[in-house]
Structure formats: C-alpha cells, structure tokens
Amino acid sequence: MTYEIAIQKLGDIVEKLSSQSLPLSQATSLFEEGMELIKFCYNELKVTKGKIFEIKKELDKLKLEEME
C-alpha cells in the first residue's frame, strides 16, 4: 500500500463514519481500520522524514566541501 492510497482510504472511512448511520459493530470496525491506516501513514512520514534528513546532511556536507 502507498501513503496516497492509505490517505484515500482514510478519507473514505471518515466520510462513512460522519455521514451514515452505521451499526455499532460496523462503525467500530471502520474506526479500527482507520487507526491502522493512521499508524501506517505516520510510519511512512517518519521514514520519509529520515530520508530527507539524510539527503539534507549530504547536501550540507557538499556545501562545506565547496567552501574549503
């Protein structure tokens, strides 16, 4: 699954929970699915943040080398 697909699914869940009168068991199931999607998205953002940090470190290192 990609981040974008997870966000879309999460949006669909939010829409269903807020616009439909659902049985409690179905609402609970959707809520649990939404929580798993949130965890997935959070992890994806955390990994991406780490990658960006590493790229920035490399760029800063190159800039320092150019100044020498």
Protein backbone atom coordinates (compact mmCIF):
# COMPACT_ATOMS: atom_id res chain seq x y z
CA MET A 1 0.00 0.00 0.00
CA THR A 2 1.18 3.53 -0.66
CA TYR A 3 0.76 6.60 1.51
CA GLU A 4 -1.60 8.11 -1.05
CA ILE A 5 -3.86 5.04 -1.10
CA ALA A 6 -3.91 4.93 2.70
CA ILE A 7 -4.92 8.60 2.86
CA GLN A 8 -7.70 7.98 0.33
CA LYS A 9 -9.00 5.00 2.30
CA LEU A 10 -8.83 7.03 5.50
CA GLY A 11 -10.85 9.80 3.86
CA ASP A 12 -13.46 7.26 2.75
CA ILE A 13 -13.71 5.91 6.30
CA VAL A 14 -14.11 9.37 7.78
CA GLU A 15 -16.83 10.15 5.25
CA LYS A 16 -18.70 6.91 6.06
CA LEU A 17 -18.44 7.45 9.80
CA SER A 18 -19.62 11.04 9.64
CA SER A 19 -22.36 10.79 7.03
CA GLN A 20 -24.01 7.42 7.62
CA SER A 21 -25.92 5.86 10.44
CA LEU A 22 -23.97 2.65 10.87
CA PRO A 23 -24.47 -0.26 13.23
CA LEU A 24 -22.08 -0.03 16.16
CA SER A 25 -20.12 -3.11 15.08
CA GLN A 26 -19.53 -1.69 11.59
CA ALA A 27 -18.58 1.73 12.96
CA THR A 28 -16.15 0.10 15.38
CA SER A 29 -14.62 -1.95 12.59
CA LEU A 30 -14.20 1.13 10.41
CA PHE A 31 -12.68 3.04 13.32
CA GLU A 32 -10.16 0.25 13.92
CA GLU A 33 -9.28 0.16 10.22
CA GLY A 34 -8.82 3.93 10.30
CA MET A 35 -6.47 3.68 13.26
CA GLU A 36 -4.33 1.13 11.41
CA LEU A 37 -4.22 3.44 8.39
CA ILE A 38 -3.18 6.34 10.61
CA LYS A 39 -0.36 4.24 12.07
CA PHE A 40 0.76 3.28 8.57
CA CYS A 41 0.72 6.90 7.37
CA TYR A 42 2.59 8.08 10.46
CA ASN A 43 5.28 5.47 9.89
CA GLU A 44 5.57 6.39 6.20
CA LEU A 45 6.01 10.06 7.13
CA LYS A 46 8.59 9.15 9.76
CA VAL A 47 10.61 7.11 7.25
CA THR A 48 10.37 9.86 4.65
CA LYS A 49 11.46 12.48 7.19
CA GLY A 50 14.53 10.36 7.95
CA LYS A 51 15.38 10.08 4.26
CA ILE A 52 15.02 13.84 3.80
CA PHE A 53 17.23 14.45 6.84
CA GLU A 54 19.95 12.20 5.37
CA ILE A 55 19.75 13.92 1.98
CA LYS A 56 19.99 17.33 3.67
CA LYS A 57 23.05 16.18 5.63
CA GLU A 58 24.73 15.11 2.38
CA LEU A 59 23.90 18.43 0.72
CA ASP A 60 25.25 20.37 3.71
CA LYS A 61 28.42 18.28 3.57
CA LEU A 62 28.85 19.07 -0.13
CA LYS A 63 28.34 22.77 0.52
CA LEU A 64 31.04 22.72 3.22
CA GLU A 65 33.44 20.94 0.88
CA GLU A 66 32.82 23.57 -1.82
CA MET A 67 33.64 26.37 0.63
CA GLU A 68 37.04 24.88 1.51
